[in-house]
Amino acid sequence: MATMVTSTKKVTSKGIGSGGGFPGPNGKKPGGNGFHGGDRSKRKFSPATYRITMWVVLAAVVMMFAALSSVYIYIMASEEQRRPIAMPSMFFVSTALILVSSGTFHQAKRSLQQDRPRAYLRWLLATLGLGFAFLGSQFVGWRELARAGVYFAGHPRSSFFYFATALHGAHLVGGIALILYLVIRRLRLGWLLHGEKNSTWHGVVGLYWHTMDGIWVWLFLLLLIFK
């Protein structure tokens, strides 16, 4: 009897131990701890997580530009005599382009809500084209500054002029990449656009794009007033 009891204990401890579960229907043992290793369910899509993440990113970006603006205003206020820097004419064009791009992105949102995939794609492509046109106008504006004798290393004010616009352009490139992702999603999904995940993606990308528009308008007014 003693021999039989000992044998039963060994079988029981081996079967219930970590990673040693009984074989399943296909003859394979479940992974992980005990019987629960192979039954992990997929994580549910959370729109709030996407929105909160974007808000955190944008808060950091806005704080950075606010700090730069404060430094620029301090430099301008501390100078008794200064040579004004003429605002490049192409920067007015840039402002018009980026404001129109906010309108086209809003139209894309309406098309998504109305379940019109073709119109949605057209408005996204229009926004994408305006974004590239904005970057091109920035390069032309920098060339205008160079022809006027205003260079990056010439003065702290001119350095800020170049650095702030270039930094904004770099962030706008990120927005262009996000819109390009929306275009790719539209081409992959075809007509299957209506859904919570697509609406969430469009919402967070729109939040980023409109914030970049607002930051540019702020920089434009700052450079225009304290030139």
C-alpha atoms as a PDB file:
ATOM      1  CA  MET A   1       0.000   0.000   0.000  1.00  0.00           C
ATOM      2  CA  ALA A   2       2.853   2.388   0.824  1.00  0.00           C
ATOM      3  CA  THR A   3       4.338   1.916  -2.632  1.00  0.00           C
ATOM      4  CA  MET A   4       1.021   2.750  -4.380  1.00  0.00           C
ATOM      5  CA  VAL A   5       0.488   5.980  -2.401  1.00  0.00           C
ATOM      6  CA  THR A   6       4.002   7.238  -3.211  1.00  0.00           C
ATOM      7  CA  SER A   7       3.519   6.597  -6.927  1.00  0.00           C
ATOM      8  CA  THR A   8       0.217   8.522  -6.998  1.00  0.00           C
ATOM      9  CA  LYS A   9       1.811  11.572  -5.361  1.00  0.00           C
ATOM     10  CA  LYS A  10       4.558  11.675  -7.971  1.00  0.00           C
ATOM     11  CA  VAL A  11       2.104  11.590 -10.877  1.00  0.00           C
ATOM     12  CA  THR A  12      -0.067  14.306  -9.322  1.00  0.00           C
ATOM     13  CA  SER A  13       2.844  16.698  -8.625  1.00  0.00           C
ATOM     14  CA  LYS A  14       4.217  16.262 -12.116  1.00  0.00           C
ATOM     15  CA  GLY A  15       0.879  16.879 -13.819  1.00  0.00           C
ATOM     16  CA  ILE A  16      -0.078  20.088 -11.989  1.00  0.00           C
ATOM     17  CA  GLY A  17       3.344  21.718 -11.763  1.00  0.00           C
ATOM     18  CA  SER A  18       4.394  24.885 -13.624  1.00  0.00           C
ATOM     19  CA  GLY A  19       4.410  24.259 -17.346  1.00  0.00           C
ATOM     20  CA  GLY A  20       3.500  20.602 -16.932  1.00  0.00           C
ATOM     21  CA  GLY A  21      -0.212  20.590 -17.679  1.00  0.00           C
ATOM     22  CA  PHE A  22      -2.042  17.681 -19.207  1.00  0.00           C
ATOM     23  CA  PRO A  23      -1.915  17.424 -23.012  1.00  0.00           C
ATOM     24  CA  GLY A  24      -4.722  19.090 -24.925  1.00  0.00           C
ATOM     25  CA  PRO A  25      -6.876  17.598 -27.702  1.00  0.00           C
ATOM     26  CA  ASN A  26      -4.048  17.956 -30.229  1.00  0.00           C
ATOM     27  CA  GLY A  27      -1.535  16.269 -27.953  1.00  0.00           C
ATOM     28  CA  LYS A  28       0.342  19.498 -27.070  1.00  0.00           C
ATOM     29  CA  LYS A  29       0.734  20.864 -23.564  1.00  0.00           C
ATOM     30  CA  PRO A  30      -0.516  24.403 -22.867  1.00  0.00           C
ATOM     31  CA  GLY A  31       2.233  26.995 -22.373  1.00  0.00           C
ATOM     32  CA  GLY A  32       2.662  29.403 -19.456  1.00  0.00           C
ATOM     33  CA  ASN A  33       1.640  28.606 -15.917  1.00  0.00           C
ATOM     34  CA  GLY A  34      -0.672  25.607 -15.503  1.00  0.00           C
ATOM     35  CA  PHE A  35      -3.763  25.451 -17.671  1.00  0.00           C
ATOM     36  CA  HIS A  36      -4.034  29.202 -18.485  1.00  0.00           C
ATOM     37  CA  GLY A  37      -0.960  29.796 -20.661  1.00  0.00           C
ATOM     38  CA  GLY A  38      -2.539  29.259 -24.077  1.00  0.00           C
ATOM     39  CA  ASP A  39      -5.880  31.009 -23.511  1.00  0.00           C
ATOM     40  CA  ARG A  40      -4.859  34.689 -23.554  1.00  0.00           C
ATOM     41  CA  SER A  41      -7.490  36.776 -25.324  1.00  0.00           C
ATOM     42  CA  LYS A  42      -6.644  39.635 -27.670  1.00  0.00           C
ATOM     43  CA  ARG A  43      -6.575  43.110 -26.189  1.00  0.00           C
ATOM     44  CA  LYS A  44      -9.652  45.167 -26.948  1.00  0.00           C
ATOM     45  CA  PHE A  45      -9.213  48.313 -29.063  1.00  0.00           C
ATOM     46  CA  SER A  46      -9.273  51.419 -26.839  1.00  0.00           C
ATOM     47  CA  PRO A  47      -9.959  54.797 -28.548  1.00  0.00           C
ATOM     48  CA  ALA A  48      -9.219  56.618 -25.281  1.00  0.00           C
ATOM     49  CA  THR A  49      -5.652  55.277 -25.263  1.00  0.00           C
ATOM     50  CA  TYR A  50      -5.003  56.708 -28.747  1.00  0.00           C
ATOM     51  CA  ARG A  51      -6.465  60.097 -27.832  1.00  0.00           C
ATOM     52  CA  ILE A  52      -4.634  60.398 -24.522  1.00  0.00           C
ATOM     53  CA  THR A  53      -1.334  59.458 -26.161  1.00  0.00           C
ATOM     54  CA  MET A  54      -1.806  62.127 -28.818  1.00  0.00           C
ATOM     55  CA  TRP A  55      -2.745  64.734 -26.213  1.00  0.00           C
ATOM     56  CA  VAL A  56       0.441  63.981 -24.255  1.00  0.00           C
ATOM     57  CA  VAL A  57       2.580  64.287 -27.401  1.00  0.00           C
ATOM     58  CA  LEU A  58       0.937  67.557 -28.429  1.00  0.00           C
ATOM     59  CA  ALA A  59       1.248  69.000 -24.911  1.00  0.00           C
ATOM     60  CA  ALA A  60       5.012  68.445 -25.079  1.00  0.00           C
ATOM     61  CA  VAL A  61       5.226  70.010 -28.550  1.00  0.00           C
ATOM     62  CA  VAL A  62       3.179  73.077 -27.567  1.00  0.00           C
ATOM     63  CA  MET A  63       5.275  73.598 -24.429  1.00  0.00           C
ATOM     64  CA  MET A  64       8.457  73.465 -26.507  1.00  0.00           C
ATOM     65  CA  PHE A  65       7.234  76.111 -28.942  1.00  0.00           C
ATOM     66  CA  ALA A  66       5.941  78.240 -26.060  1.00  0.00           C
ATOM     67  CA  ALA A  67       9.419  78.164 -24.482  1.00  0.00           C
ATOM     68  CA  LEU A  68      11.046  79.155 -27.778  1.00  0.00           C
ATOM     69  CA  SER A  69       8.579  82.007 -28.207  1.00  0.00           C
ATOM     70  CA  SER A  70       9.323  83.282 -24.717  1.00  0.00           C
ATOM     71  CA  VAL A  71      13.045  83.351 -25.478  1.00  0.00           C
ATOM     72  CA  TYR A  72      12.420  85.223 -28.730  1.00  0.00           C
ATOM     73  CA  ILE A  73      10.226  87.847 -27.046  1.00  0.00           C
ATOM     74  CA  TYR A  74      12.876  88.315 -24.336  1.00  0.00           C
ATOM     75  CA  ILE A  75      15.599  88.840 -26.951  1.00  0.00           C
ATOM     76  CA  MET A  76      13.480  91.388 -28.819  1.00  0.00           C
ATOM     77  CA  ALA A  77      12.597  93.284 -25.624  1.00  0.00           C
ATOM     78  CA  SER A  78      16.211  93.441 -24.448  1.00  0.00           C
ATOM     79  CA  GLU A  79      17.493  95.112 -27.630  1.00  0.00           C
ATOM     80  CA  GLU A  80      17.347  98.900 -27.723  1.00  0.00           C
ATOM     81  CA  GLN A  81      18.157  99.179 -31.422  1.00  0.00           C
ATOM     82  CA  ARG A  82      17.524  96.459 -33.920  1.00  0.00           C
ATOM     83  CA  ARG A  83      17.326  96.032 -37.645  1.00  0.00           C
ATOM     84  CA  PRO A  84      13.847  94.821 -38.622  1.00  0.00           C
ATOM     85  CA  ILE A  85      13.590  91.617 -40.647  1.00  0.00           C
ATOM     86  CA  ALA A  86      11.059  91.813 -43.443  1.00  0.00           C
ATOM     87  CA  MET A  87       8.599  88.941 -43.468  1.00  0.00           C
ATOM     88  CA  PRO A  88       9.161  86.863 -46.635  1.00  0.00           C
ATOM     89  CA  SER A  89       6.177  87.123 -48.976  1.00  0.00           C
ATOM     90  CA  MET A  90       6.078  83.340 -49.335  1.00  0.00           C
ATOM     91  CA  PHE A  91       5.306  83.014 -45.636  1.00  0.00           C
ATOM     92  CA  PHE A  92       1.954  84.667 -46.337  1.00  0.00           C
ATOM     93  CA  VAL A  93       1.394  81.991 -48.975  1.00  0.00           C
ATOM     94  CA  SER A  94       2.429  79.332 -46.458  1.00  0.00           C
ATOM     95  CA  THR A  95      -0.155  80.599 -43.999  1.00  0.00           C
ATOM     96  CA  ALA A  96      -2.909  80.478 -46.616  1.00  0.00           C
ATOM     97  CA  LEU A  97      -1.925  76.945 -47.650  1.00  0.00           C
ATOM     98  CA  ILE A  98      -1.928  75.526 -44.152  1.00  0.00           C
ATOM     99  CA  LEU A  99      -5.262  77.164 -43.282  1.00  0.00           C
ATOM    100  CA  VAL A 100      -6.839  75.700 -46.417  1.00  0.00           C
ATOM    101  CA  SER A 101      -5.397  72.297 -45.506  1.00  0.00           C
ATOM    102  CA  SER A 102      -7.322  72.380 -42.228  1.00  0.00           C
ATOM    103  CA  GLY A 103     -10.482  72.931 -44.262  1.00  0.00           C
ATOM    104  CA  THR A 104      -9.780  70.025 -46.614  1.00  0.00           C
ATOM    105  CA  PHE A 105      -9.037  67.718 -43.675  1.00  0.00           C
ATOM    106  CA  HIS A 106     -12.337  68.731 -42.105  1.00  0.00           C
ATOM    107  CA  GLN A 107     -14.094  67.854 -45.371  1.00  0.00           C
ATOM    108  CA  ALA A 108     -12.391  64.461 -45.276  1.00  0.00           C
ATOM    109  CA  LYS A 109     -13.837  63.941 -41.802  1.00  0.00           C
ATOM    110  CA  ARG A 110     -17.332  64.764 -43.053  1.00  0.00           C
ATOM    111  CA  SER A 111     -16.933  62.329 -45.940  1.00  0.00           C
ATOM    112  CA  LEU A 112     -15.882  59.613 -43.492  1.00  0.00           C
ATOM    113  CA  GLN A 113     -18.927  60.265 -41.314  1.00  0.00           C
ATOM    114  CA  GLN A 114     -21.190  60.135 -44.390  1.00  0.00           C
ATOM    115  CA  ASP A 115     -19.561  56.863 -45.508  1.00  0.00           C
ATOM    116  CA  ARG A 116     -18.284  58.269 -48.832  1.00  0.00           C
ATOM    117  CA  PRO A 117     -14.877  56.583 -49.301  1.00  0.00           C
ATOM    118  CA  ARG A 118     -14.065  58.150 -52.676  1.00  0.00           C
ATOM    119  CA  ALA A 119     -14.685  61.686 -51.459  1.00  0.00           C
ATOM    120  CA  TYR A 120     -12.760  60.835 -48.275  1.00  0.00           C
ATOM    121  CA  LEU A 121      -9.736  59.793 -50.317  1.00  0.00           C
ATOM    122  CA  ARG A 122      -9.916  62.908 -52.519  1.00  0.00           C
ATOM    123  CA  TRP A 123      -9.950  65.250 -49.530  1.00  0.00           C
ATOM    124  CA  LEU A 124      -7.083  63.373 -47.875  1.00  0.00           C
ATOM    125  CA  LEU A 125      -4.997  63.641 -51.042  1.00  0.00           C
ATOM    126  CA  ALA A 126      -5.824  67.356 -51.261  1.00  0.00           C
ATOM    127  CA  THR A 127      -4.617  67.820 -47.665  1.00  0.00           C
ATOM    128  CA  LEU A 128      -1.483  65.847 -48.458  1.00  0.00           C
ATOM    129  CA  GLY A 129      -0.751  68.026 -51.508  1.00  0.00           C
ATOM    130  CA  LEU A 130      -1.262  71.222 -49.497  1.00  0.00           C
ATOM    131  CA  GLY A 131       1.124  69.925 -46.840  1.00  0.00           C
ATOM    132  CA  PHE A 132       3.869  69.386 -49.424  1.00  0.00           C
ATOM    133  CA  ALA A 133       3.116  72.798 -50.948  1.00  0.00           C
ATOM    134  CA  PHE A 134       3.516  74.361 -47.509  1.00  0.00           C
ATOM    135  CA  LEU A 135       6.971  72.830 -47.096  1.00  0.00           C
ATOM    136  CA  GLY A 136       7.961  74.031 -50.578  1.00  0.00           C
ATOM    137  CA  SER A 137       6.849  77.573 -49.796  1.00  0.00           C
ATOM    138  CA  GLN A 138       8.962  77.483 -46.629  1.00  0.00           C
ATOM    139  CA  PHE A 139      12.089  76.729 -48.648  1.00  0.00           C
ATOM    140  CA  VAL A 140      11.281  79.601 -51.002  1.00  0.00           C
ATOM    141  CA  GLY A 141      10.771  81.883 -47.983  1.00  0.00           C
ATOM    142  CA  TRP A 142      14.194  80.953 -46.619  1.00  0.00           C
ATOM    143  CA  ARG A 143      15.747  81.816 -49.982  1.00  0.00           C
ATOM    144  CA  GLU A 144      14.074  85.223 -49.806  1.00  0.00           C
ATOM    145  CA  LEU A 145      15.646  85.759 -46.408  1.00  0.00           C
ATOM    146  CA  ALA A 146      19.092  84.747 -47.719  1.00  0.00           C
ATOM    147  CA  ARG A 147      18.794  87.163 -50.657  1.00  0.00           C
ATOM    148  CA  ALA A 148      17.944  89.926 -48.181  1.00  0.00           C
ATOM    149  CA  GLY A 149      21.150  89.172 -46.254  1.00  0.00           C
ATOM    150  CA  VAL A 150      19.444  87.429 -43.324  1.00  0.00           C
ATOM    151  CA  TYR A 151      21.293  84.229 -42.435  1.00  0.00           C
ATOM    152  CA  PHE A 152      20.978  81.623 -39.703  1.00  0.00           C
ATOM    153  CA  ALA A 153      24.229  82.585 -37.963  1.00  0.00           C
ATOM    154  CA  GLY A 154      23.849  86.322 -38.464  1.00  0.00           C
ATOM    155  CA  HIS A 155      21.991  87.222 -35.255  1.00  0.00           C
ATOM    156  CA  PRO A 156      19.999  85.500 -32.487  1.00  0.00           C
ATOM    157  CA  ARG A 157      16.788  86.912 -33.991  1.00  0.00           C
ATOM    158  CA  SER A 158      17.517  85.544 -37.446  1.00  0.00           C
ATOM    159  CA  SER A 159      18.653  82.260 -35.898  1.00  0.00           C
ATOM    160  CA  PHE A 160      15.269  81.964 -34.184  1.00  0.00           C
ATOM    161  CA  PHE A 161      13.548  82.851 -37.462  1.00  0.00           C
ATOM    162  CA  TYR A 162      15.170  79.909 -39.227  1.00  0.00           C
ATOM    163  CA  PHE A 163      15.163  77.475 -36.315  1.00  0.00           C
ATOM    164  CA  ALA A 164      11.504  77.938 -35.341  1.00  0.00           C
ATOM    165  CA  THR A 165      10.212  77.587 -38.902  1.00  0.00           C
ATOM    166  CA  ALA A 166      12.459  74.578 -39.565  1.00  0.00           C
ATOM    167  CA  LEU A 167      11.347  72.904 -36.334  1.00  0.00           C
ATOM    168  CA  HIS A 168       7.720  73.439 -37.240  1.00  0.00           C
ATOM    169  CA  GLY A 169       8.385  72.050 -40.726  1.00  0.00           C
ATOM    170  CA  ALA A 170       9.922  68.915 -39.203  1.00  0.00           C
ATOM    171  CA  HIS A 171       6.805  68.364 -37.088  1.00  0.00           C
ATOM    172  CA  LEU A 172       4.616  68.961 -40.123  1.00  0.00           C
ATOM    173  CA  VAL A 173       6.498  66.183 -41.911  1.00  0.00           C
ATOM    174  CA  GLY A 174       5.256  63.915 -39.121  1.00  0.00           C
ATOM    175  CA  GLY A 175       1.715  65.085 -39.850  1.00  0.00           C
ATOM    176  CA  ILE A 176       2.182  64.365 -43.555  1.00  0.00           C
ATOM    177  CA  ALA A 177       3.327  60.842 -42.666  1.00  0.00           C
ATOM    178  CA  LEU A 178       0.186  60.337 -40.568  1.00  0.00           C
ATOM    179  CA  ILE A 179      -2.078  61.514 -43.392  1.00  0.00           C
ATOM    180  CA  LEU A 180      -0.223  59.222 -45.778  1.00  0.00           C
ATOM    181  CA  TYR A 181      -1.003  56.383 -43.381  1.00  0.00           C
ATOM    182  CA  LEU A 182      -4.711  57.286 -43.563  1.00  0.00           C
ATOM    183  CA  VAL A 183      -4.495  57.181 -47.366  1.00  0.00           C
ATOM    184  CA  ILE A 184      -2.899  53.723 -47.219  1.00  0.00           C
ATOM    185  CA  ARG A 185      -5.634  52.520 -44.851  1.00  0.00           C
ATOM    186  CA  ARG A 186      -8.275  53.793 -47.266  1.00  0.00           C
ATOM    187  CA  LEU A 187      -6.677  51.969 -50.206  1.00  0.00           C
ATOM    188  CA  ARG A 188      -6.318  48.748 -48.222  1.00  0.00           C
ATOM    189  CA  LEU A 189      -9.798  48.731 -46.697  1.00  0.00           C
ATOM    190  CA  GLY A 190     -11.637  49.885 -49.797  1.00  0.00           C
ATOM    191  CA  TRP A 191     -15.240  50.589 -48.858  1.00  0.00           C
ATOM    192  CA  LEU A 192     -14.935  49.201 -45.327  1.00  0.00           C
ATOM    193  CA  LEU A 193     -14.175  52.533 -43.702  1.00  0.00           C
ATOM    194  CA  HIS A 194     -17.070  52.992 -41.342  1.00  0.00           C
ATOM    195  CA  GLY A 195     -15.995  51.829 -37.896  1.00  0.00           C
ATOM    196  CA  GLU A 196     -14.732  52.927 -34.498  1.00  0.00           C
ATOM    197  CA  LYS A 197     -11.069  52.292 -35.261  1.00  0.00           C
ATOM    198  CA  ASN A 198     -11.055  54.315 -38.488  1.00  0.00           C
ATOM    199  CA  SER A 199     -12.897  57.195 -36.821  1.00  0.00           C
ATOM    200  CA  THR A 200     -10.406  57.151 -33.951  1.00  0.00           C
ATOM    201  CA  TRP A 201      -7.398  57.180 -36.278  1.00  0.00           C
ATOM    202  CA  HIS A 202      -8.836  60.063 -38.268  1.00  0.00           C
ATOM    203  CA  GLY A 203      -9.599  61.923 -35.045  1.00  0.00           C
ATOM    204  CA  VAL A 204      -6.090  61.700 -33.586  1.00  0.00           C
ATOM    205  CA  VAL A 205      -4.437  62.575 -36.910  1.00  0.00           C
ATOM    206  CA  GLY A 206      -6.791  65.537 -37.285  1.00  0.00           C
ATOM    207  CA  LEU A 207      -5.930  66.693 -33.772  1.00  0.00           C
ATOM    208  CA  TYR A 208      -2.225  66.628 -34.656  1.00  0.00           C
ATOM    209  CA  TRP A 209      -2.713  68.367 -38.014  1.00  0.00           C
ATOM    210  CA  HIS A 210      -4.891  71.179 -36.672  1.00  0.00           C
ATOM    211  CA  THR A 211      -2.436  71.749 -33.809  1.00  0.00           C
ATOM    212  CA  MET A 212       0.417  72.121 -36.294  1.00  0.00           C
ATOM    213  CA  ASP A 213      -1.709  74.650 -38.181  1.00  0.00           C
ATOM    214  CA  GLY A 214      -2.336  76.604 -34.994  1.00  0.00           C
ATOM    215  CA  ILE A 215       1.353  76.596 -34.052  1.00  0.00           C
ATOM    216  CA  TRP A 216       2.289  77.979 -37.466  1.00  0.00           C
ATOM    217  CA  VAL A 217      -0.270  80.782 -37.225  1.00  0.00           C
ATOM    218  CA  TRP A 218       1.161  81.652 -33.809  1.00  0.00           C
ATOM    219  CA  LEU A 219       4.737  81.691 -35.142  1.00  0.00           C
ATOM    220  CA  PHE A 220       3.692  83.739 -38.162  1.00  0.00           C
ATOM    221  CA  LEU A 221       2.028  86.388 -36.001  1.00  0.00           C
ATOM    222  CA  LEU A 222       4.989  86.393 -33.593  1.00  0.00           C
ATOM    223  CA  LEU A 223       7.468  86.932 -36.419  1.00  0.00           C
ATOM    224  CA  LEU A 224       5.213  89.498 -38.075  1.00  0.00           C
ATOM    225  CA  ILE A 225       4.758  91.613 -34.925  1.00  0.00           C
ATOM    226  CA  PHE A 226       8.292  91.307 -33.508  1.00  0.00           C
ATOM    227  CA  LYS A 227      10.165  91.433 -36.791  1.00  0.00           C
END
